[in-house]
Amino acid sequence: MVRFLHCADLHLDRSFEGMPQLSKWQQSLLTVNQEVWQRIVDLAIEKQVDFVLLAGDTFHQNQPSLYIQNIFCQALQRLEKEGIEVVMCFGNHDYYTPQRYWFDFPENVHLFTEEAVSTLTLTTKSNERVAFSGFSYCQPWIEARKDIEFPYKAVDCDYHIGLYHGQQAGKYAPFQISELVSKGYDYWALGHIHVPTILNEQPAIVYPGTPQGHTKKEVATGVMLVELTPQSCHFTPSHVASLSFGQVDYPMPVQSQRTQVLADLMAKFSAVSPGFYQLHWHHLSEQQLLEYSAATRLEILDYLNAQLQRAQKDVFVYEIVIDHEEQETSPTILPSMLSSQAFASEVLAKQLTEELAKNGLLSFVSLEELIPEVMRQARENLGYGAEEKE
């Protein structure tokens, strides 16, 4: 039996995207990727695997910084000390250019460095011979099919594994599942698609997904722990992400003081697991919608994140969403506002109606048409509309 980890799309130097409110913490967030890589190495050592497969896009850039390369190579050396081999190919993000690397890869690391498919063979501690066939990108894309270049299963080996960074259609090394199956391999270690996907059971053709999600659309699924015997293939996902993406719901109390709201929110986020969170507010009254404007919500985000980081919580709130589906989007909300002194001022009227529009409550009208009418009614309600007509 051979046991190994199948990893892909680590994107070790990628920032977390689509969360502008966390920009001031981006530098510290970069260490999250490093923690994930260390967890992968820890898992490999704990499970006493024979080898680790890195199926492309280990880095997000094709010119990873000296600092990131050093972090990566130090972990490879840990694997070397444990007698664990590493087989690595390069994808469309980290396409291979040898002069861009500051360090020599340790002797336990075996690289595919050309776009032409090649094969290497390793012998495990239990004297089982394993053949690996693969290729690497040397530019940001490969439009030609690479599946047809792979050799058939080696007859002088106990197992044969294919490394393939690509997808079934498009400009990233397209392939056909039937072609991969025809090669007779025991396992296909795919990369490029960040969602865990099993394209075929026998033989196993598997995307493990990304170890750490970097946007709210990416669900971190970790790496695959694979066990091969001459008769079977078992693979199990192992979670290694440091931060996940989640949602926290907060029903707004009918009678709420700002101090209570802040205390409630801090209590909720102090109790969650490490991750990035979207805050959903429910049941806001019309007055609360005005009170908690877009600008106010930004202040709350900054406060929550600052307090959570001060408390050394690996919890980040990247967005506040106001859920107002239960409220009727109707002109009936206007009469209670028209008596406001604020709407008698053209500047304030424009600001307040724009805030209402941001909350979706005035999406049924044009602000250009609404503001003059709101001002007219407000002035009449305040008792000085007649004076202006004279």
Protein backbone atom coordinates (compact mmCIF):
# COMPACT_ATOMS: atom_id res chain seq x y z
CA MET A 1 0.00 0.00 0.00
CA VAL A 2 1.09 3.58 -0.65
CA ARG A 3 -0.29 6.60 1.20
CA PHE A 4 0.01 10.19 0.01
CA LEU A 5 -1.45 13.69 0.17
CA HIS A 6 -2.88 15.22 -2.98
CA CYS A 7 -2.75 19.05 -2.80
CA ALA A 8 -3.44 21.68 -5.42
CA ASP A 9 -4.10 25.40 -5.74
CA LEU A 10 -2.50 26.45 -2.47
CA HIS A 11 -1.81 29.97 -3.83
CA LEU A 12 0.68 30.54 -1.05
CA ASP A 13 1.20 34.26 -1.78
CA ARG A 14 -2.39 35.22 -2.66
CA SER A 15 -4.20 37.97 -0.80
CA PHE A 16 -7.82 37.72 0.32
CA GLU A 17 -10.01 39.38 -2.29
CA GLY A 18 -13.39 41.10 -2.50
CA MET A 19 -13.24 42.40 1.08
CA PRO A 20 -12.07 46.04 0.86
CA GLN A 21 -13.00 46.78 4.46
CA LEU A 22 -10.21 44.43 5.57
CA SER A 23 -7.49 46.17 3.54
CA LYS A 24 -5.68 47.45 6.64
CA TRP A 25 -5.26 43.84 7.84
CA GLN A 26 -4.15 42.33 4.51
CA GLN A 27 -0.50 42.19 5.48
CA SER A 28 -1.17 40.14 8.58
CA LEU A 29 -3.67 37.98 6.67
CA LEU A 30 -0.91 36.80 4.35
CA THR A 31 0.45 34.71 7.22
CA VAL A 32 -2.76 32.65 7.03
CA ASN A 33 -1.53 31.00 3.82
CA GLN A 34 1.74 30.12 5.50
CA GLU A 35 -0.13 28.53 8.40
CA VAL A 36 -2.12 26.41 5.94
CA TRP A 37 1.07 25.17 4.28
CA GLN A 38 2.51 24.27 7.69
CA ARG A 39 -0.67 22.35 8.49
CA ILE A 40 -0.33 20.36 5.28
CA VAL A 41 3.23 19.44 6.23
CA ASP A 42 2.12 18.56 9.77
CA LEU A 43 -0.61 16.31 8.35
CA ALA A 44 1.85 14.56 6.02
CA ILE A 45 4.15 13.83 8.95
CA GLU A 46 1.31 12.76 11.24
CA LYS A 47 -0.11 10.34 8.66
CA GLN A 48 3.36 9.08 7.72
CA VAL A 49 2.65 9.43 4.02
CA ASP A 50 5.06 8.20 1.38
CA PHE A 51 4.88 11.39 -0.65
CA VAL A 52 3.07 14.72 -1.14
CA LEU A 53 1.72 15.73 -4.56
CA LEU A 54 1.48 19.43 -5.44
CA ALA A 55 -0.60 19.62 -8.61
CA GLY A 56 0.05 23.21 -9.66
CA ASP A 57 -0.55 26.81 -8.54
CA THR A 58 1.35 26.32 -5.32
CA PHE A 59 2.11 30.03 -5.69
CA HIS A 60 -0.29 32.69 -6.92
CA GLN A 61 2.44 34.51 -8.84
CA ASN A 62 5.04 33.19 -11.24
CA GLN A 63 7.57 35.37 -9.36
CA PRO A 64 7.04 34.46 -5.70
CA SER A 65 8.95 36.68 -3.30
CA LEU A 66 12.19 35.59 -1.66
CA TYR A 67 10.37 35.59 1.68
CA ILE A 68 7.60 33.26 0.47
CA GLN A 69 10.09 30.95 -1.24
CA ASN A 70 12.05 30.67 1.99
CA ILE A 71 8.92 29.77 3.99
CA PHE A 72 8.02 27.16 1.39
CA CYS A 73 11.48 25.58 1.23
CA GLN A 74 11.88 25.41 5.02
CA ALA A 75 8.72 23.29 5.18
CA LEU A 76 10.02 21.09 2.35
CA GLN A 77 13.13 20.49 4.44
CA ARG A 78 10.91 19.32 7.31
CA LEU A 79 9.44 16.72 4.96
CA GLU A 80 12.93 15.74 3.82
CA LYS A 81 13.97 15.00 7.41
CA GLU A 82 10.99 12.67 7.72
CA GLY A 83 11.86 10.84 4.51
CA ILE A 84 8.75 12.12 2.67
CA GLU A 85 9.11 12.72 -1.06
CA VAL A 86 7.43 15.64 -2.85
CA VAL A 87 6.31 15.56 -6.50
CA MET A 88 5.43 18.97 -7.88
CA CYS A 89 4.21 20.51 -11.12
CA PHE A 90 3.60 24.17 -11.94
CA GLY A 91 0.26 25.62 -13.06
CA ASN A 92 -0.94 28.64 -14.98
CA HIS A 93 -0.42 31.03 -12.04
CA ASP A 94 3.05 29.87 -10.96
CA TYR A 95 4.27 28.81 -14.43
CA TYR A 96 7.86 27.66 -14.26
CA THR A 97 10.85 29.88 -14.96
CA PRO A 98 13.99 28.52 -13.23
CA GLN A 99 15.87 31.82 -12.81
CA ARG A 100 13.10 33.21 -10.61
CA TYR A 101 13.87 30.88 -7.70
CA TRP A 102 16.25 32.00 -4.96
CA PHE A 103 16.77 28.57 -3.43
CA ASP A 104 17.63 25.10 -4.61
CA PHE A 105 14.79 22.71 -3.94
CA PRO A 106 15.71 19.99 -1.41
CA GLU A 107 16.67 16.57 -2.75
CA ASN A 108 13.33 15.07 -1.74
CA VAL A 109 11.52 17.39 -4.20
CA HIS A 110 10.94 16.14 -7.75
CA LEU A 111 9.82 18.75 -10.27
CA PHE A 112 8.14 18.65 -13.63
CA THR A 113 9.71 21.65 -15.34
CA GLU A 114 8.68 21.30 -19.00
CA GLU A 115 5.43 21.49 -20.94
CA ALA A 116 6.21 18.15 -22.56
CA VAL A 117 4.84 15.25 -20.52
CA SER A 118 7.55 13.24 -18.75
CA THR A 119 7.67 10.37 -16.25
CA LEU A 120 9.70 9.80 -13.09
CA THR A 121 9.81 6.80 -10.77
CA LEU A 122 10.19 6.65 -6.99
CA THR A 123 10.58 3.70 -4.64
CA THR A 124 8.78 3.86 -1.30
CA LYS A 125 10.15 2.69 2.06
CA SER A 126 8.23 -0.55 1.56
CA ASN A 127 9.99 -1.05 -1.80
CA GLU A 128 6.96 -0.34 -3.98
CA ARG A 129 7.71 1.38 -7.27
CA VAL A 130 5.51 4.34 -8.19
CA ALA A 131 5.59 6.09 -11.57
CA PHE A 132 4.48 9.71 -11.88
CA SER A 133 3.68 11.35 -15.21
CA GLY A 134 3.04 15.05 -15.57
CA PHE A 135 3.92 18.39 -17.11
CA SER A 136 4.21 22.04 -16.07
CA TYR A 137 3.15 25.34 -17.54
CA CYS A 138 5.97 27.54 -18.81
CA GLN A 139 3.54 30.31 -19.78
CA PRO A 140 0.14 31.49 -18.42
CA TRP A 141 -1.88 29.07 -20.54
CA ILE A 142 -1.67 25.89 -22.63
CA GLU A 143 -4.33 25.67 -25.31
CA ALA A 144 -3.29 22.26 -26.64
CA ARG A 145 -4.61 19.02 -25.17
CA LYS A 146 -2.04 17.34 -22.94
CA ASP A 147 -3.95 14.15 -22.13
CA ILE A 148 -2.98 12.57 -25.43
CA GLU A 149 0.73 12.95 -24.56
CA PHE A 150 0.59 10.82 -21.40
CA PRO A 151 2.04 7.31 -21.72
CA TYR A 152 0.12 4.21 -20.80
CA LYS A 153 0.65 2.67 -17.36
CA ALA A 154 4.24 1.60 -16.76
CA VAL A 155 4.50 -2.20 -16.69
CA ASP A 156 7.55 -2.20 -14.41
CA CYS A 157 5.84 -0.26 -11.57
CA ASP A 158 3.34 -1.16 -8.89
CA TYR A 159 1.38 2.09 -9.29
CA HIS A 160 1.12 4.87 -11.83
CA ILE A 161 -0.16 8.36 -10.95
CA GLY A 162 -0.85 11.29 -13.28
CA LEU A 163 -0.46 14.95 -12.30
CA TYR A 164 -2.60 17.24 -14.44
CA HIS A 165 -3.25 20.96 -13.95
CA GLY A 166 -6.07 21.86 -16.30
CA GLN A 167 -9.76 21.61 -17.12
CA GLN A 168 -11.99 19.76 -19.55
CA ALA A 169 -12.42 22.70 -21.93
CA GLY A 170 -10.80 26.07 -22.53
CA LYS A 171 -7.25 27.36 -22.74
CA TYR A 172 -5.88 25.58 -19.67
CA ALA A 173 -4.62 22.22 -20.96
CA PRO A 174 -8.02 20.79 -21.95
CA PHE A 175 -8.56 17.06 -21.57
CA GLN A 176 -11.14 14.33 -22.01
CA ILE A 177 -12.02 12.02 -19.15
CA SER A 178 -12.18 9.03 -21.47
CA GLU A 179 -8.59 9.68 -22.56
CA LEU A 180 -7.36 9.78 -18.96
CA VAL A 181 -9.22 6.57 -18.13
CA SER A 182 -7.70 4.82 -21.13
CA LYS A 183 -4.15 5.27 -19.75
CA GLY A 184 -4.77 2.66 -17.05
CA TYR A 185 -3.42 4.80 -14.16
CA ASP A 186 -4.27 4.16 -10.52
CA TYR A 187 -4.96 7.82 -9.67
CA TRP A 188 -5.17 11.17 -11.43
CA ALA A 189 -4.16 14.13 -9.23
CA LEU A 190 -5.80 17.17 -10.80
CA GLY A 191 -5.41 20.87 -10.11
CA HIS A 192 -6.86 24.18 -11.32
CA ILE A 193 -10.51 23.91 -10.24
CA HIS A 194 -10.91 25.25 -6.69
CA VAL A 195 -14.06 23.23 -5.98
CA PRO A 196 -13.57 19.59 -4.89
CA THR A 197 -14.74 17.47 -7.81
CA ILE A 198 -14.62 13.76 -8.51
CA LEU A 199 -14.71 13.31 -12.27
CA ASN A 200 -14.37 9.53 -12.16
CA GLU A 201 -14.37 6.82 -9.49
CA GLN A 202 -12.35 4.00 -11.11
CA PRO A 203 -9.75 5.13 -11.73
CA ALA A 204 -10.06 8.08 -9.39
CA ILE A 205 -9.81 11.41 -11.26
CA VAL A 206 -9.96 14.04 -8.55
CA TYR A 207 -9.78 17.79 -7.95
CA PRO A 208 -9.13 18.23 -4.19
CA GLY A 209 -10.23 21.89 -4.21
CA THR A 210 -8.27 24.73 -2.65
CA PRO A 211 -6.78 24.25 0.85
CA GLN A 212 -7.68 27.85 1.83
CA GLY A 213 -10.48 29.91 0.29
CA HIS A 214 -9.47 33.46 -0.63
CA THR A 215 -12.89 34.88 -1.57
CA LYS A 216 -16.36 34.44 -0.14
CA LYS A 217 -17.21 32.22 -3.13
CA GLU A 218 -14.43 29.73 -2.40
CA VAL A 219 -15.18 26.96 0.04
CA ALA A 220 -11.92 25.67 1.49
CA THR A 221 -11.93 21.90 1.37
CA GLY A 222 -8.37 21.03 2.25
CA VAL A 223 -6.37 18.21 0.71
CA MET A 224 -6.97 14.57 -0.19
CA LEU A 225 -5.44 11.79 1.88
CA VAL A 226 -5.16 8.87 -0.56
CA GLU A 227 -4.42 5.20 0.05
CA LEU A 228 -3.70 2.93 -2.89
CA THR A 229 -3.53 -0.86 -2.92
CA PRO A 230 -3.34 -3.08 -6.01
CA GLN A 231 -7.09 -3.65 -5.67
CA SER A 232 -8.47 -0.36 -4.32
CA CYS A 233 -8.22 3.41 -3.99
CA HIS A 234 -9.53 5.29 -0.95
CA PHE A 235 -9.38 9.07 -0.66
CA THR A 236 -10.55 11.27 2.18
CA PRO A 237 -10.65 15.09 2.31
CA SER A 238 -8.70 16.60 5.21
CA HIS A 239 -9.50 20.14 6.35
CA VAL A 240 -6.42 22.35 6.74
CA ALA A 241 -7.80 25.89 6.29
CA SER A 242 -7.02 28.44 8.99
CA LEU A 243 -9.99 30.67 8.20
CA SER A 244 -13.36 29.75 6.75
CA PHE A 245 -16.19 31.93 5.43
CA GLY A 246 -19.43 32.19 7.33
CA GLN A 247 -22.47 34.29 8.21
CA VAL A 248 -23.70 35.72 11.51
CA ASP A 249 -27.36 36.75 11.88
CA TYR A 250 -28.47 39.57 14.15
CA PRO A 251 -32.18 40.31 14.59
CA MET A 252 -32.37 43.97 15.60
CA PRO A 253 -34.24 44.47 18.91
CA VAL A 254 -37.36 46.64 18.57
CA GLN A 255 -36.09 49.03 21.22
CA SER A 256 -32.33 49.15 20.86
CA GLN A 257 -29.65 51.41 22.25
CA ARG A 258 -26.42 51.72 20.30
CA THR A 259 -24.44 50.49 23.29
CA GLN A 260 -26.60 47.36 23.39
CA VAL A 261 -26.14 46.73 19.65
CA LEU A 262 -22.33 46.95 19.92
CA ALA A 263 -22.28 44.69 22.98
CA ASP A 264 -24.52 42.13 21.24
CA LEU A 265 -22.35 42.08 18.13
CA MET A 266 -19.10 41.73 20.06
CA ALA A 267 -20.57 38.84 22.04
CA LYS A 268 -21.67 37.07 18.86
CA PHE A 269 -18.34 37.43 17.06
CA SER A 270 -16.29 36.55 20.12
CA ALA A 271 -18.02 33.16 20.20
CA VAL A 272 -17.53 32.10 16.57
CA SER A 273 -14.70 30.02 15.14
CA PRO A 274 -11.85 31.73 13.23
CA GLY A 275 -12.95 33.00 9.85
CA PHE A 276 -14.38 35.74 7.66
CA TYR A 277 -17.97 36.67 8.37
CA GLN A 278 -20.79 38.50 6.71
CA LEU A 279 -23.13 40.13 9.23
CA HIS A 280 -26.84 39.97 8.36
CA TRP A 281 -29.17 42.37 10.18
CA HIS A 282 -32.87 41.54 10.28
CA HIS A 283 -36.08 43.33 11.31
CA LEU A 284 -34.85 46.91 11.15
CA SER A 285 -37.56 49.54 11.45
CA GLU A 286 -37.76 52.47 9.04
CA GLN A 287 -36.14 54.69 11.63
CA GLN A 288 -33.35 52.16 12.26
CA LEU A 289 -32.67 51.97 8.53
CA LEU A 290 -32.05 55.70 8.58
CA GLU A 291 -30.02 55.56 11.78
CA TYR A 292 -27.71 52.76 10.61
CA SER A 293 -26.70 54.33 7.31
CA ALA A 294 -23.99 53.02 5.00
CA ALA A 295 -21.44 55.35 6.61
CA THR A 296 -22.45 54.20 10.09
CA ARG A 297 -22.14 50.56 9.09
CA LEU A 298 -18.59 51.18 7.91
CA GLU A 299 -17.76 52.64 11.31
CA ILE A 300 -19.23 49.56 12.99
CA LEU A 301 -17.15 47.27 10.76
CA ASP A 302 -13.96 49.12 11.64
CA TYR A 303 -14.80 49.02 15.34
CA LEU A 304 -15.64 45.31 15.40
CA ASN A 305 -12.50 44.31 13.51
CA ALA A 306 -10.25 46.51 15.64
CA GLN A 307 -11.69 45.08 18.86
CA LEU A 308 -11.52 41.49 17.63
CA GLN A 309 -7.89 41.89 16.58
CA ARG A 310 -7.05 43.57 19.89
CA ALA A 311 -8.55 40.51 21.59
CA GLN A 312 -6.34 38.34 19.33
CA LYS A 313 -9.33 36.69 17.70
CA ASP A 314 -8.79 35.39 14.17
CA VAL A 315 -12.23 36.68 13.26
CA PHE A 316 -12.89 39.28 10.58
CA VAL A 317 -16.19 40.94 9.64
CA TYR A 318 -15.99 41.94 6.00
CA GLU A 319 -19.54 43.13 5.26
CA ILE A 320 -22.83 44.14 6.83
CA VAL A 321 -25.95 43.21 4.89
CA ILE A 322 -29.33 44.68 5.78
CA ASP A 323 -32.05 42.09 5.19
CA HIS A 324 -35.31 43.95 4.64
CA GLU A 325 -37.24 41.47 2.54
CA GLU A 326 -40.11 41.46 5.04
CA GLN A 327 -40.60 45.21 4.70
CA GLU A 328 -42.88 46.52 2.00
CA THR A 329 -41.18 48.66 -0.60
CA SER A 330 -43.94 51.21 -0.83
CA PRO A 331 -44.51 54.98 -0.86
CA THR A 332 -46.27 54.52 2.51
CA ILE A 333 -42.94 55.06 4.25
CA LEU A 334 -42.78 58.65 3.07
CA PRO A 335 -45.47 60.43 5.13
CA SER A 336 -43.68 59.83 8.44
CA MET A 337 -40.56 61.41 6.99
CA LEU A 338 -42.12 64.39 5.25
CA SER A 339 -42.62 66.29 8.51
CA SER A 340 -38.87 66.21 9.12
CA GLN A 341 -37.12 69.55 9.30
CA ALA A 342 -34.25 67.92 7.42
CA PHE A 343 -36.29 67.54 4.24
CA ALA A 344 -36.87 71.28 4.10
CA SER A 345 -33.16 71.61 3.25
CA GLU A 346 -32.24 70.65 -0.31
CA VAL A 347 -28.79 69.36 0.75
CA LEU A 348 -30.10 67.23 3.59
CA ALA A 349 -33.04 66.02 1.51
CA LYS A 350 -30.65 64.74 -1.14
CA GLN A 351 -28.42 63.02 1.44
CA LEU A 352 -31.30 61.29 3.24
CA THR A 353 -33.07 60.12 0.11
CA GLU A 354 -29.80 58.72 -1.23
CA GLU A 355 -29.37 56.76 2.01
CA LEU A 356 -32.90 55.37 1.60
CA ALA A 357 -32.07 54.39 -1.96
CA LYS A 358 -28.93 52.55 -0.81
CA ASN A 359 -31.10 50.50 1.53
CA GLY A 360 -33.38 49.57 -1.36
CA LEU A 361 -36.45 51.31 0.03
CA LEU A 362 -36.75 53.89 -2.75
CA SER A 363 -35.74 51.75 -5.69
CA PHE A 364 -39.19 52.25 -7.20
CA VAL A 365 -38.74 55.97 -7.97
CA SER A 366 -36.22 58.38 -9.48
CA LEU A 367 -34.39 60.50 -6.93
CA GLU A 368 -34.39 63.42 -9.36
CA GLU A 369 -38.20 63.36 -9.36
CA LEU A 370 -38.60 62.54 -5.69
CA ILE A 371 -36.46 65.19 -4.00
CA PRO A 372 -38.37 68.30 -5.23
CA GLU A 373 -41.71 66.72 -4.30
CA VAL A 374 -40.46 65.66 -0.87
CA MET A 375 -39.13 69.18 -0.22
CA ARG A 376 -42.43 70.77 -1.29
CA GLN A 377 -44.49 68.55 1.02
CA ALA A 378 -42.05 68.97 3.88
CA ARG A 379 -42.19 72.74 3.65
CA GLU A 380 -45.99 72.69 3.56
CA ASN A 381 -46.10 70.39 6.61
CA LEU A 382 -43.78 72.75 8.45
CA GLY A 383 -46.08 75.68 7.73
CA TYR A 384 -43.99 77.93 5.55
CA GLY A 385 -44.72 76.72 2.05
CA ALA A 386 -47.35 79.48 1.55
CA GLU A 387 -44.90 82.25 2.41
CA GLU A 388 -42.53 81.18 -0.37
CA LYS A 389 -45.33 81.39 -2.97
CA GLU A 390 -45.78 85.15 -2.38
